[in-house]
N, C-alpha and C. Protein backbone atom coordinates (compact mmCIF):
# COMPACT_ATOMS: atom_id res chain seq x y z
N MET A 1 -27.25 -81.77 37.57
CA MET A 1 -27.54 -80.39 37.70
C MET A 1 -26.35 -80.26 38.99
N LYS A 2 -25.26 -81.09 38.96
CA LYS A 2 -24.23 -80.23 39.36
C LYS A 2 -23.28 -79.53 38.18
N LEU A 3 -23.57 -79.64 37.03
CA LEU A 3 -23.30 -78.67 36.02
C LEU A 3 -23.58 -77.89 35.75
N ILE A 4 -24.79 -77.90 36.00
CA ILE A 4 -25.91 -76.53 35.66
C ILE A 4 -25.15 -75.63 36.78
N ALA A 5 -24.98 -76.13 38.16
CA ALA A 5 -24.65 -75.29 39.51
C ALA A 5 -23.50 -74.90 39.10
N GLN A 6 -22.22 -75.27 38.57
CA GLN A 6 -21.02 -75.05 37.98
C GLN A 6 -21.23 -73.87 37.30
N LEU A 7 -22.45 -73.79 36.14
CA LEU A 7 -22.22 -73.17 35.02
C LEU A 7 -22.63 -71.15 35.66
N ILE A 8 -23.65 -71.73 36.44
CA ILE A 8 -24.21 -70.35 37.17
C ILE A 8 -22.86 -69.86 37.84
N ILE A 9 -21.88 -70.83 38.99
CA ILE A 9 -21.15 -70.15 39.47
C ILE A 9 -20.16 -69.76 38.54
N ALA A 10 -19.82 -69.96 37.33
CA ALA A 10 -18.92 -69.84 36.54
C ALA A 10 -19.21 -68.52 35.74
N ALA A 11 -20.45 -68.24 35.54
CA ALA A 11 -21.41 -66.94 35.18
C ALA A 11 -21.56 -65.67 36.06
N SER A 12 -21.62 -65.92 37.41
CA SER A 12 -21.59 -64.98 38.33
C SER A 12 -20.22 -64.68 38.49
N MET A 13 -18.97 -65.52 38.38
CA MET A 13 -17.75 -64.67 38.51
C MET A 13 -17.10 -64.16 37.26
N ALA A 14 -17.49 -64.64 36.00
CA ALA A 14 -17.32 -63.51 34.51
C ALA A 14 -18.06 -61.93 34.67
N THR A 15 -19.68 -61.89 35.25
CA THR A 15 -19.69 -61.08 35.02
C THR A 15 -19.43 -59.93 36.42
N LEU A 16 -18.73 -60.57 37.45
CA LEU A 16 -17.90 -59.60 38.70
C LEU A 16 -16.69 -59.42 37.58
N ALA A 17 -16.27 -60.04 37.14
CA ALA A 17 -15.38 -59.35 36.47
C ALA A 17 -14.67 -58.73 35.73
N VAL A 18 -16.07 -58.68 35.05
CA VAL A 18 -16.53 -57.63 33.71
C VAL A 18 -16.79 -56.07 34.44
N SER A 19 -17.40 -56.45 35.50
CA SER A 19 -17.87 -55.15 36.33
C SER A 19 -16.31 -54.66 36.67
N SER A 20 -16.01 -55.16 37.38
CA SER A 20 -14.49 -54.70 38.29
C SER A 20 -13.42 -53.95 37.28
N TYR A 21 -13.52 -54.61 36.13
CA TYR A 21 -13.16 -54.11 35.06
C TYR A 21 -13.45 -53.18 34.03
N SER A 22 -14.50 -53.14 33.88
CA SER A 22 -14.73 -51.41 33.39
C SER A 22 -15.06 -50.36 34.71
N GLU A 23 -15.48 -50.63 35.73
CA GLU A 23 -15.26 -49.75 36.68
C GLU A 23 -13.70 -49.32 37.11
N GLU A 24 -12.61 -50.10 36.61
CA GLU A 24 -10.93 -50.03 37.26
C GLU A 24 -10.67 -48.91 35.86
N PRO A 25 -11.18 -48.59 34.38
CA PRO A 25 -11.06 -47.05 33.90
C PRO A 25 -11.05 -46.08 34.28
N LYS A 26 -12.50 -45.89 35.01
CA LYS A 26 -13.59 -44.66 35.20
C LYS A 26 -12.64 -44.32 36.34
N LYS A 27 -12.10 -45.05 37.35
CA LYS A 27 -11.50 -45.04 38.56
C LYS A 27 -9.83 -44.65 38.26
N GLU A 28 -9.57 -44.83 37.32
CA GLU A 28 -8.09 -44.60 37.17
C GLU A 28 -8.27 -42.93 36.35
N ALA A 29 -9.09 -42.73 35.78
CA ALA A 29 -9.49 -41.30 34.90
C ALA A 29 -9.85 -40.22 35.84
N ALA A 30 -10.83 -40.86 37.22
CA ALA A 30 -11.07 -39.54 37.91
C ALA A 30 -10.00 -39.43 38.98
N LYS A 31 -8.49 -40.45 38.84
CA LYS A 31 -7.12 -40.58 39.88
C LYS A 31 -6.96 -39.51 38.94
N VAL A 32 -6.86 -39.22 37.81
CA VAL A 32 -5.93 -38.83 36.60
C VAL A 32 -6.20 -37.42 36.60
N ALA A 33 -7.54 -37.15 36.30
CA ALA A 33 -8.39 -36.02 36.56
C ALA A 33 -8.13 -34.58 37.21
N LYS A 34 -7.86 -35.47 38.24
CA LYS A 34 -8.25 -34.13 39.73
C LYS A 34 -6.98 -33.49 39.94
N PRO A 35 -6.67 -32.57 39.79
CA PRO A 35 -5.76 -32.02 40.61
C PRO A 35 -5.08 -32.27 41.93
N ASP A 36 -4.31 -31.78 42.78
CA ASP A 36 -3.48 -32.03 44.45
C ASP A 36 -3.53 -30.88 43.96
N LEU A 37 -4.66 -29.59 44.83
CA LEU A 37 -4.69 -27.91 44.77
C LEU A 37 -3.39 -28.11 46.15
N ALA A 38 -3.64 -28.45 46.78
CA ALA A 38 -2.47 -28.74 48.47
C ALA A 38 -0.88 -28.47 47.87
N LYS A 39 -0.98 -30.06 46.86
CA LYS A 39 0.41 -30.24 46.39
C LYS A 39 1.20 -29.21 45.29
N GLY A 40 -0.14 -28.59 44.92
CA GLY A 40 0.31 -27.39 43.83
C GLY A 40 0.75 -26.02 44.60
N GLU A 41 0.20 -25.97 45.54
CA GLU A 41 0.68 -24.76 46.26
C GLU A 41 2.03 -24.98 46.73
N ALA A 42 2.26 -26.27 47.58
CA ALA A 42 3.17 -26.65 48.24
C ALA A 42 4.45 -26.84 47.23
N SER A 43 4.90 -26.52 45.98
CA SER A 43 5.38 -26.44 45.07
C SER A 43 5.18 -25.52 44.20
N PHE A 44 4.42 -24.70 44.05
CA PHE A 44 4.51 -23.50 43.76
C PHE A 44 5.75 -22.47 44.56
N GLY A 45 5.22 -23.07 45.80
CA GLY A 45 5.93 -21.84 47.22
C GLY A 45 7.17 -22.38 47.29
N ALA A 46 7.29 -23.72 46.95
CA ALA A 46 8.85 -24.20 46.54
C ALA A 46 10.02 -24.01 45.46
N VAL A 47 9.45 -23.53 44.55
CA VAL A 47 9.78 -23.47 43.46
C VAL A 47 9.54 -22.19 42.57
N CYS A 48 8.87 -21.53 42.82
CA CYS A 48 8.02 -20.58 41.88
C CYS A 48 7.87 -18.95 42.30
N ALA A 49 7.42 -19.23 44.03
CA ALA A 49 7.31 -17.82 44.48
C ALA A 49 7.99 -16.86 44.52
N ALA A 50 9.32 -17.49 44.35
CA ALA A 50 10.43 -16.12 44.69
C ALA A 50 10.19 -15.08 43.44
N CYS A 51 9.78 -15.58 42.10
CA CYS A 51 9.83 -15.51 41.07
C CYS A 51 8.62 -14.40 40.48
N HIS A 52 7.56 -14.95 40.95
CA HIS A 52 6.19 -15.31 40.23
C HIS A 52 5.43 -14.66 41.84
N GLY A 53 5.41 -14.44 42.52
CA GLY A 53 4.66 -13.89 43.34
C GLY A 53 4.41 -15.00 44.39
N ALA A 54 3.86 -14.88 46.01
CA ALA A 54 3.62 -16.22 46.58
C ALA A 54 1.40 -15.97 46.27
N ASP A 55 0.95 -15.25 45.70
CA ASP A 55 0.25 -15.99 45.17
C ASP A 55 -0.09 -15.86 43.69
N GLY A 56 0.95 -15.92 42.59
CA GLY A 56 1.25 -16.44 41.35
C GLY A 56 0.98 -14.87 40.77
N ASN A 57 0.76 -13.59 41.81
CA ASN A 57 0.67 -12.46 41.33
C ASN A 57 2.05 -11.45 41.36
N SER A 58 3.29 -11.83 40.22
CA SER A 58 4.75 -11.03 40.07
C SER A 58 4.10 -9.76 40.68
N ALA A 59 4.97 -9.03 40.99
CA ALA A 59 5.46 -7.94 41.40
C ALA A 59 7.14 -7.17 40.62
N ILE A 60 7.57 -8.30 40.18
CA ILE A 60 8.48 -8.03 39.04
C ILE A 60 8.00 -7.77 37.74
N ALA A 61 7.99 -6.79 37.16
CA ALA A 61 7.41 -6.43 35.84
C ALA A 61 8.46 -7.31 34.48
N GLY A 62 9.43 -7.93 34.84
CA GLY A 62 9.66 -8.24 33.46
C GLY A 62 9.29 -10.20 33.78
N ASN A 63 8.53 -10.64 34.68
CA ASN A 63 7.86 -11.75 35.43
C ASN A 63 6.65 -11.92 35.66
N PRO A 64 5.99 -12.82 34.63
CA PRO A 64 4.48 -12.86 34.68
C PRO A 64 4.03 -13.22 35.52
N LYS A 65 2.51 -12.52 35.44
CA LYS A 65 1.74 -12.90 36.97
C LYS A 65 0.84 -14.01 35.56
N LEU A 66 0.98 -14.96 37.20
CA LEU A 66 0.07 -16.37 36.18
C LEU A 66 -1.05 -16.74 36.94
N ALA A 67 -1.45 -16.13 38.70
CA ALA A 67 -2.45 -16.44 39.18
C ALA A 67 -3.29 -16.07 37.79
N GLN A 68 -4.95 -17.03 38.27
CA GLN A 68 -6.08 -16.94 36.94
C GLN A 68 -5.93 -17.23 35.98
N GLN A 69 -5.18 -17.79 35.55
CA GLN A 69 -4.66 -17.90 33.89
C GLN A 69 -4.82 -19.43 33.94
N HIS A 70 -5.52 -19.70 32.81
CA HIS A 70 -5.88 -21.41 32.39
C HIS A 70 -4.69 -22.23 32.47
N PRO A 71 -5.46 -23.28 33.06
CA PRO A 71 -4.16 -24.21 34.02
C PRO A 71 -4.12 -24.88 32.88
N GLU A 72 -4.43 -25.56 31.55
CA GLU A 72 -4.21 -26.11 30.61
C GLU A 72 -2.89 -24.91 29.58
N TYR A 73 -3.38 -23.82 29.63
CA TYR A 73 -2.04 -23.21 28.79
C TYR A 73 -0.76 -23.18 29.84
N LEU A 74 -0.79 -23.17 31.19
CA LEU A 74 0.18 -23.06 32.19
C LEU A 74 0.85 -24.60 31.61
N VAL A 75 0.04 -25.53 32.10
CA VAL A 75 0.69 -26.79 31.48
C VAL A 75 1.29 -27.09 30.20
N LYS A 76 1.02 -26.36 29.43
CA LYS A 76 1.68 -26.63 28.18
C LYS A 76 2.84 -25.58 27.80
N GLN A 77 2.69 -24.89 28.58
CA GLN A 77 4.31 -23.35 28.82
C GLN A 77 5.48 -24.74 29.88
N LEU A 78 4.78 -25.12 30.89
CA LEU A 78 5.96 -25.97 31.25
C LEU A 78 6.30 -27.08 30.70
N GLN A 79 5.47 -28.03 30.06
CA GLN A 79 5.65 -28.66 28.86
C GLN A 79 7.34 -28.51 28.13
N GLU A 80 6.62 -27.25 27.76
CA GLU A 80 7.52 -26.61 26.22
C GLU A 80 8.67 -26.50 26.73
N PHE A 81 8.62 -25.59 27.81
CA PHE A 81 10.00 -25.20 28.57
C PHE A 81 11.24 -26.42 29.18
N LYS A 82 10.45 -27.43 29.24
CA LYS A 82 10.90 -28.83 29.48
C LYS A 82 11.74 -29.19 28.42
N SER A 83 10.83 -29.16 27.31
CA SER A 83 11.17 -29.98 25.94
C SER A 83 12.24 -28.97 25.35
N ASP A 84 12.19 -27.53 25.81
CA ASP A 84 12.68 -27.13 24.69
C ASP A 84 12.06 -26.15 23.22
N LYS A 85 11.09 -26.37 23.50
CA LYS A 85 10.02 -26.10 22.80
C LYS A 85 10.11 -24.66 22.38
N ARG A 86 9.82 -24.23 23.84
CA ARG A 86 10.26 -22.92 24.64
C ARG A 86 11.28 -22.09 25.26
N ASN A 87 12.19 -21.67 24.39
CA ASN A 87 13.29 -21.52 25.14
C ASN A 87 13.94 -20.11 26.03
N ASN A 88 13.90 -20.88 27.34
CA ASN A 88 14.07 -20.07 28.59
C ASN A 88 15.28 -20.86 29.33
N ALA A 89 16.62 -20.52 29.41
CA ALA A 89 17.44 -21.26 30.21
C ALA A 89 16.91 -20.94 31.45
N VAL A 90 16.69 -20.09 32.42
CA VAL A 90 15.78 -20.41 33.55
C VAL A 90 14.80 -21.33 33.81
N MET A 91 13.92 -21.15 33.29
CA MET A 91 12.83 -21.53 33.40
C MET A 91 12.51 -22.82 32.96
N LYS A 92 13.68 -23.60 32.16
CA LYS A 92 14.77 -24.71 31.45
C LYS A 92 14.29 -25.65 32.60
N GLY A 93 15.09 -24.84 33.76
CA GLY A 93 15.67 -25.66 34.95
C GLY A 93 15.35 -26.25 35.57
N PHE A 94 14.12 -24.80 36.18
CA PHE A 94 12.76 -25.08 36.59
C PHE A 94 11.74 -26.10 36.43
N ALA A 95 11.25 -26.59 34.62
CA ALA A 95 10.49 -26.65 34.63
C ALA A 95 11.21 -28.51 34.44
N SER A 96 12.08 -28.86 34.18
CA SER A 96 12.73 -30.03 34.35
C SER A 96 12.79 -30.77 35.67
N ALA A 97 12.45 -30.00 36.51
CA ALA A 97 12.62 -30.40 38.07
C ALA A 97 11.16 -30.85 38.33
N LEU A 98 10.42 -30.53 37.52
CA LEU A 98 8.92 -30.79 37.16
C LEU A 98 7.85 -32.20 36.85
N SER A 99 7.22 -32.82 37.52
CA SER A 99 7.05 -34.26 36.57
C SER A 99 5.45 -33.56 36.22
N ASP A 100 4.66 -34.15 35.02
CA ASP A 100 3.41 -33.81 34.98
C ASP A 100 2.53 -34.03 35.65
N ASP A 101 2.46 -34.62 37.05
CA ASP A 101 1.70 -34.38 37.92
C ASP A 101 1.80 -33.13 38.68
N ASP A 102 3.15 -32.72 38.98
CA ASP A 102 3.87 -31.49 39.65
C ASP A 102 3.31 -30.65 38.58
N MET A 103 3.33 -30.09 37.66
CA MET A 103 2.86 -29.47 36.45
C MET A 103 1.35 -28.60 36.44
N LYS A 104 0.76 -29.88 36.56
CA LYS A 104 -0.78 -29.88 36.91
C LYS A 104 -1.19 -29.24 37.91
N ASN A 105 -0.55 -29.71 38.99
CA ASN A 105 -1.32 -29.35 40.38
C ASN A 105 -0.67 -27.59 40.57
N ILE A 106 0.74 -27.54 40.13
CA ILE A 106 0.76 -26.22 40.64
C ILE A 106 -0.09 -24.91 39.58
N SER A 107 -0.35 -25.57 38.26
CA SER A 107 -1.19 -25.20 37.41
C SER A 107 -2.81 -24.24 37.67
N PHE A 108 -3.25 -26.03 38.07
CA PHE A 108 -5.23 -25.64 38.44
C PHE A 108 -4.41 -25.20 39.98
N TRP A 109 -3.79 -25.04 40.57
CA TRP A 109 -3.72 -24.16 42.01
C TRP A 109 -3.71 -22.48 41.49
N LEU A 110 -3.04 -21.77 40.64
CA LEU A 110 -2.68 -20.64 40.27
C LEU A 110 -3.83 -20.43 39.77
N ALA A 111 -4.86 -21.09 38.65
CA ALA A 111 -5.97 -20.81 38.37
C ALA A 111 -6.30 -20.72 39.14
N SER A 112 -6.57 -21.30 40.42
CA SER A 112 -7.65 -21.07 41.52
C SER A 112 -7.61 -19.40 42.26
N LYS A 113 -6.33 -19.42 41.88
CA LYS A 113 -6.49 -17.73 42.58
C LYS A 113 -6.92 -16.81 41.63
N ALA A 114 -7.08 -15.74 42.72
CA ALA A 114 -7.31 -14.32 41.46
C ALA A 114 -6.42 -13.44 41.61
N GLY A 115 -6.08 -13.06 39.85
CA GLY A 115 -4.89 -12.32 39.52
C GLY A 115 -5.62 -10.51 40.04
N LYS A 116 -4.67 -9.97 40.15
CA LYS A 116 -4.88 -8.88 39.98
C LYS A 116 -4.34 -7.78 39.00
N PRO A 117 -5.22 -6.61 39.39
CA PRO A 117 -5.15 -5.58 37.97
C PRO A 117 -4.53 -5.08 37.95
N GLY A 118 -3.85 -4.40 36.57
CA GLY A 118 -3.04 -3.27 36.55
C GLY A 118 -3.24 -2.32 35.97
N PHE A 119 -2.23 -1.54 35.56
CA PHE A 119 -2.91 -0.21 35.25
C PHE A 119 -2.17 -0.02 34.07
N ALA A 120 -2.70 1.01 32.45
CA ALA A 120 -1.63 1.48 31.47
C ALA A 120 -1.31 2.61 32.65
N LYS A 121 0.03 3.00 31.58
CA LYS A 121 0.76 3.82 31.73
C LYS A 121 1.06 5.33 31.65
N ASP A 122 1.16 4.79 29.73
CA ASP A 122 1.21 5.93 28.64
C ASP A 122 0.38 6.45 28.74
N LYS A 123 -0.01 7.47 28.95
CA LYS A 123 -1.45 7.65 27.99
C LYS A 123 -1.30 8.73 26.46
N GLU A 124 -0.13 8.67 26.25
CA GLU A 124 0.13 9.09 24.43
C GLU A 124 -0.42 8.00 23.87
N LEU A 125 0.11 6.52 24.75
CA LEU A 125 -0.07 5.32 23.62
C LEU A 125 -1.29 4.37 23.52
N VAL A 126 -1.33 4.77 24.72
CA VAL A 126 -2.78 4.10 25.43
C VAL A 126 -4.18 3.73 24.21
N SER A 127 -4.22 4.96 23.67
CA SER A 127 -5.39 4.84 22.49
C SER A 127 -5.23 4.00 21.39
N LEU A 128 -3.84 3.99 20.86
CA LEU A 128 -3.01 3.27 19.59
C LEU A 128 -3.62 1.92 20.12
N GLY A 129 -2.80 1.74 21.85
CA GLY A 129 -2.64 0.04 21.90
C GLY A 129 -4.62 -0.41 22.09
N GLU A 130 -5.41 0.54 22.12
CA GLU A 130 -6.88 0.42 22.14
C GLU A 130 -7.02 -0.16 21.02
N ARG A 131 -6.87 0.75 19.70
CA ARG A 131 -7.31 0.13 18.79
C ARG A 131 -6.26 -0.71 18.04
N ILE A 132 -5.11 -1.66 18.52
CA ILE A 132 -4.91 -2.64 18.11
C ILE A 132 -5.82 -3.63 18.43
N TYR A 133 -5.94 -3.68 19.91
CA TYR A 133 -6.29 -4.86 20.82
C TYR A 133 -7.84 -5.27 20.04
N ARG A 134 -8.37 -3.58 19.82
CA ARG A 134 -10.20 -4.23 19.66
C ARG A 134 -10.49 -4.02 18.55
N GLY A 135 -9.36 -3.24 17.16
CA GLY A 135 -9.61 -3.77 15.86
C GLY A 135 -8.65 -3.81 14.99
N GLY A 136 -7.68 -4.27 15.57
CA GLY A 136 -6.53 -4.81 14.19
C GLY A 136 -5.40 -3.36 13.33
N ILE A 137 -4.98 -3.47 12.41
CA ILE A 137 -4.32 -2.82 11.49
C ILE A 137 -5.02 -3.61 10.62
N ALA A 138 -5.99 -2.86 10.03
CA ALA A 138 -6.51 -3.61 8.62
C ALA A 138 -5.17 -3.39 7.73
N ASP A 139 -4.97 -2.15 7.06
CA ASP A 139 -4.02 -2.68 6.23
C ASP A 139 -2.66 -3.51 5.93
N ARG A 140 -2.42 -4.05 7.23
CA ARG A 140 -1.86 -4.88 7.28
C ARG A 140 -2.18 -6.54 7.56
N GLN A 141 -3.15 -6.17 7.52
CA GLN A 141 -3.91 -7.55 7.89
C GLN A 141 -3.02 -7.96 9.54
N VAL A 142 -3.49 -7.03 10.29
CA VAL A 142 -3.09 -7.76 12.06
C VAL A 142 -4.81 -7.70 12.46
N PRO A 143 -4.99 -9.01 13.23
CA PRO A 143 -6.24 -9.36 13.60
C PRO A 143 -6.49 -8.66 15.16
N ALA A 144 -7.68 -8.11 15.46
CA ALA A 144 -7.83 -7.93 16.44
C ALA A 144 -7.28 -8.56 17.66
N CYS A 145 -6.75 -8.39 18.64
CA CYS A 145 -6.24 -9.00 19.81
C CYS A 145 -7.19 -9.71 20.51
N ALA A 146 -8.56 -8.87 20.75
CA ALA A 146 -9.32 -9.32 21.23
C ALA A 146 -10.30 -10.59 20.91
N GLY A 147 -9.93 -10.47 19.52
CA GLY A 147 -10.47 -12.09 18.74
C GLY A 147 -10.13 -13.09 19.43
N CYS A 148 -8.81 -13.42 19.80
CA CYS A 148 -8.44 -14.82 20.34
C CYS A 148 -8.76 -14.39 21.69
N HIS A 149 -8.15 -13.05 22.62
CA HIS A 149 -7.98 -13.33 24.01
C HIS A 149 -9.01 -12.60 24.67
N SER A 150 -10.25 -12.23 23.77
CA SER A 150 -11.61 -11.86 24.67
C SER A 150 -11.22 -10.22 24.47
N PRO A 151 -12.55 -9.52 25.03
CA PRO A 151 -12.86 -8.17 24.73
C PRO A 151 -11.76 -7.31 25.82
N ASN A 152 -12.07 -8.38 26.92
CA ASN A 152 -11.67 -7.70 28.34
C ASN A 152 -10.55 -8.91 28.92
N GLY A 153 -10.00 -9.38 28.04
CA GLY A 153 -8.59 -9.89 27.97
C GLY A 153 -8.82 -11.35 28.92
N ALA A 154 -9.91 -11.57 28.98
CA ALA A 154 -9.62 -13.14 29.92
C ALA A 154 -9.19 -14.26 29.15
N GLY A 155 -9.44 -14.11 28.23
CA GLY A 155 -8.96 -15.55 27.09
C GLY A 155 -10.30 -16.18 26.42
N ILE A 156 -9.55 -17.36 26.09
CA ILE A 156 -10.21 -18.23 25.36
C ILE A 156 -9.87 -20.13 26.64
N PRO A 157 -10.59 -20.91 27.40
CA PRO A 157 -9.65 -21.73 28.04
C PRO A 157 -9.05 -22.66 27.16
N ALA A 158 -7.58 -22.99 27.25
CA ALA A 158 -7.43 -24.15 27.23
C ALA A 158 -6.87 -23.82 25.63
N GLN A 159 -7.29 -22.58 24.91
CA GLN A 159 -6.87 -22.03 23.72
C GLN A 159 -5.82 -21.24 23.81
N TYR A 160 -6.48 -19.76 24.30
CA TYR A 160 -5.63 -18.78 24.02
C TYR A 160 -5.14 -18.29 25.92
N PRO A 161 -4.53 -17.19 26.23
CA PRO A 161 -4.26 -16.96 27.36
C PRO A 161 -4.79 -16.22 27.82
N ARG A 162 -5.24 -15.91 29.33
CA ARG A 162 -5.40 -14.68 29.73
C ARG A 162 -4.62 -13.45 29.86
N LEU A 163 -4.73 -12.17 29.38
CA LEU A 163 -3.92 -11.44 28.91
C LEU A 163 -4.25 -9.70 30.30
N SER A 164 -5.38 -9.99 30.75
CA SER A 164 -5.65 -9.20 31.22
C SER A 164 -4.59 -8.82 32.37
N GLY A 165 -4.37 -7.33 33.08
CA GLY A 165 -3.46 -7.01 33.76
C GLY A 165 -2.26 -7.69 33.72
N GLN A 166 -1.77 -7.93 32.75
CA GLN A 166 -0.39 -8.30 32.91
C GLN A 166 0.65 -7.29 32.68
N HIS A 167 2.03 -7.54 33.50
CA HIS A 167 3.09 -6.85 32.62
C HIS A 167 2.64 -6.01 31.69
N ALA A 168 3.36 -4.41 31.55
CA ALA A 168 3.54 -3.78 30.06
C ALA A 168 5.11 -4.79 29.86
N ASP A 169 5.91 -4.59 30.42
CA ASP A 169 7.27 -4.79 30.47
C ASP A 169 7.55 -6.67 30.01
N TYR A 170 6.37 -7.68 30.24
CA TYR A 170 6.47 -8.39 29.98
C TYR A 170 5.91 -8.89 28.46
N SER A 171 4.51 -8.16 28.40
CA SER A 171 4.13 -8.56 27.02
C SER A 171 4.93 -7.72 26.08
N VAL A 172 5.56 -7.13 26.35
CA VAL A 172 6.67 -6.06 25.49
C VAL A 172 7.85 -7.38 24.90
N ALA A 173 8.18 -7.74 25.90
CA ALA A 173 9.19 -9.21 25.43
C ALA A 173 8.81 -9.83 24.93
N GLN A 174 7.57 -10.33 25.17
CA GLN A 174 7.34 -11.99 24.45
C GLN A 174 6.72 -11.65 22.86
N LEU A 175 6.36 -10.38 22.86
CA LEU A 175 5.82 -9.56 21.37
C LEU A 175 7.35 -9.66 20.72
N VAL A 176 8.08 -8.89 21.47
CA VAL A 176 9.21 -8.48 20.56
C VAL A 176 9.77 -10.20 20.24
N ALA A 177 10.11 -11.06 21.40
CA ALA A 177 10.58 -12.84 20.80
C ALA A 177 9.77 -13.48 19.88
N PHE A 178 8.81 -13.15 19.89
CA PHE A 178 7.97 -13.69 18.99
C PHE A 178 8.27 -13.06 17.57
N ARG A 179 7.97 -11.39 17.06
CA ARG A 179 8.25 -11.62 16.16
C ARG A 179 9.74 -11.64 15.41
N ASP A 180 10.81 -11.94 16.64
CA ASP A 180 12.42 -11.76 15.70
C ASP A 180 12.96 -13.62 16.30
N GLY A 181 11.54 -14.16 15.80
CA GLY A 181 11.79 -15.57 16.28
C GLY A 181 12.89 -15.89 17.03
N VAL A 182 12.40 -15.53 18.42
CA VAL A 182 13.43 -16.41 19.47
C VAL A 182 12.50 -16.95 20.40
N ARG A 183 11.05 -16.76 20.15
CA ARG A 183 10.15 -17.46 20.62
C ARG A 183 9.36 -17.76 19.53
N LYS A 184 9.85 -19.33 19.76
CA LYS A 184 8.94 -19.88 18.76
C LYS A 184 7.78 -20.80 18.86
N ASN A 185 6.95 -20.98 19.90
CA ASN A 185 6.12 -22.29 20.38
C ASN A 185 5.09 -21.78 19.71
N SER A 186 4.19 -20.51 19.11
CA SER A 186 3.27 -20.20 18.58
C SER A 186 3.22 -19.93 17.25
N LEU A 187 3.16 -20.33 16.04
CA LEU A 187 2.91 -19.96 14.89
C LEU A 187 2.23 -18.61 14.86
N GLN A 188 1.29 -18.82 15.25
CA GLN A 188 0.00 -17.53 15.00
C GLN A 188 0.55 -16.66 15.88
N MET A 189 1.13 -16.29 16.81
CA MET A 189 1.79 -15.09 17.20
C MET A 189 2.99 -14.90 16.80
N SER A 190 3.81 -15.28 16.16
CA SER A 190 4.57 -15.15 15.76
C SER A 190 4.77 -14.55 14.19
N GLN A 191 3.36 -15.02 13.52
CA GLN A 191 3.26 -14.21 12.03
C GLN A 191 1.97 -12.98 12.43
N VAL A 192 1.26 -12.84 13.24
CA VAL A 192 0.94 -11.12 14.19
C VAL A 192 2.23 -10.49 14.58
N ALA A 193 2.75 -11.21 15.90
CA ALA A 193 3.49 -10.26 15.94
C ALA A 193 4.88 -9.29 14.40
N ALA A 194 5.05 -10.39 13.91
CA ALA A 194 5.98 -9.70 12.66
C ALA A 194 4.94 -8.84 12.25
N LYS A 195 3.99 -8.39 11.92
CA LYS A 195 3.87 -6.79 11.62
C LYS A 195 3.57 -6.14 12.30
N LEU A 196 4.08 -6.15 13.23
CA LEU A 196 3.92 -4.90 14.71
C LEU A 196 5.43 -4.75 14.89
N ASN A 197 5.61 -3.05 14.44
CA ASN A 197 6.51 -2.21 14.93
C ASN A 197 7.01 -1.82 16.39
N ASP A 198 7.87 -1.62 17.25
CA ASP A 198 8.16 -1.28 18.45
C ASP A 198 7.53 -0.65 19.33
N ARG A 199 6.87 0.66 17.88
CA ARG A 199 6.00 1.76 18.90
C ARG A 199 4.23 0.60 19.04
N GLU A 200 4.07 0.22 18.32
CA GLU A 200 2.67 -0.41 18.51
C GLU A 200 2.93 -1.60 19.29
N ILE A 201 3.64 -2.73 19.55
CA ILE A 201 4.22 -3.66 20.29
C ILE A 201 3.71 -2.85 21.72
N LYS A 202 4.85 -1.78 22.36
CA LYS A 202 4.81 -1.05 23.31
C LYS A 202 3.21 -0.52 23.74
N ALA A 203 2.60 0.32 23.01
CA ALA A 203 1.36 0.95 23.10
C ALA A 203 0.05 -0.74 23.57
N VAL A 204 0.08 -1.90 22.45
CA VAL A 204 -0.73 -2.67 22.86
C VAL A 204 -0.52 -3.55 24.26
N SER A 205 0.79 -3.38 24.39
CA SER A 205 1.10 -4.18 26.02
C SER A 205 0.71 -3.31 26.98
N ASP A 206 1.09 -1.79 26.87
CA ASP A 206 0.17 -0.76 28.35
C ASP A 206 -0.89 -0.54 28.44
N TYR A 207 -1.90 -1.12 26.93
CA TYR A 207 -3.61 -1.26 27.16
C TYR A 207 -3.42 -2.21 27.71
N ILE A 208 -3.05 -3.77 27.70
CA ILE A 208 -3.39 -5.10 28.03
C ILE A 208 -3.18 -4.56 29.79
N ALA A 209 -2.12 -4.28 29.58
CA ALA A 209 -1.90 -3.91 31.09
C ALA A 209 -3.02 -3.52 32.26
N GLY A 210 -3.84 -2.80 31.32
CA GLY A 210 -4.82 -2.08 32.14
C GLY A 210 -6.22 -2.78 32.11
N LEU A 211 -6.05 -3.73 31.04
CA LEU A 211 -7.58 -4.73 30.83
C LEU A 211 -8.07 -5.15 32.23
N ARG A 212 -9.16 -4.82 32.26
CA ARG A 212 -10.05 -5.54 33.75
C ARG A 212 -11.62 -6.01 33.42
């Protein structure tokens, strides 16, 4: 009887240990998966707001609007600034000071903020920009921007960034950087931009600014 009792106790302890072990990864996964928006807001205010606006809606045409952007895309960009895969001396300095958790917290906080709409300004070019954005340029095998970034510029979460309302000056700068090999962290965008001339880049960027 004593041996049986010992076996029952041992079996019970083993069951408890297995149960505890199986629960631990779930707790860890939940802890890792959930961003801290309060910390994200605080970090953004301390590090990013001067250039990108208090709520992620930059008022400076050369600095991108980040509000309502897909958080996975923002995390990827910050990681690539930090690793020099995306070359920008200013952003390298800021990103290098952020941990992975900081990046996630900031990115998910930004995603929770509403993006402010923008406006197309060049009436002569906006119709060309619309044609490129919605239909591409068939004879040069330029795909429609809407195919990846959606007809209203909302993008596709975790894959393609939101473009709607983005400053035209910023979009122009990025397309030129992709075309000229300065920005190298998207082969797909480099291949598309390589087929666009300055006028087409300006046109599609102005059209994007007015998307909503």
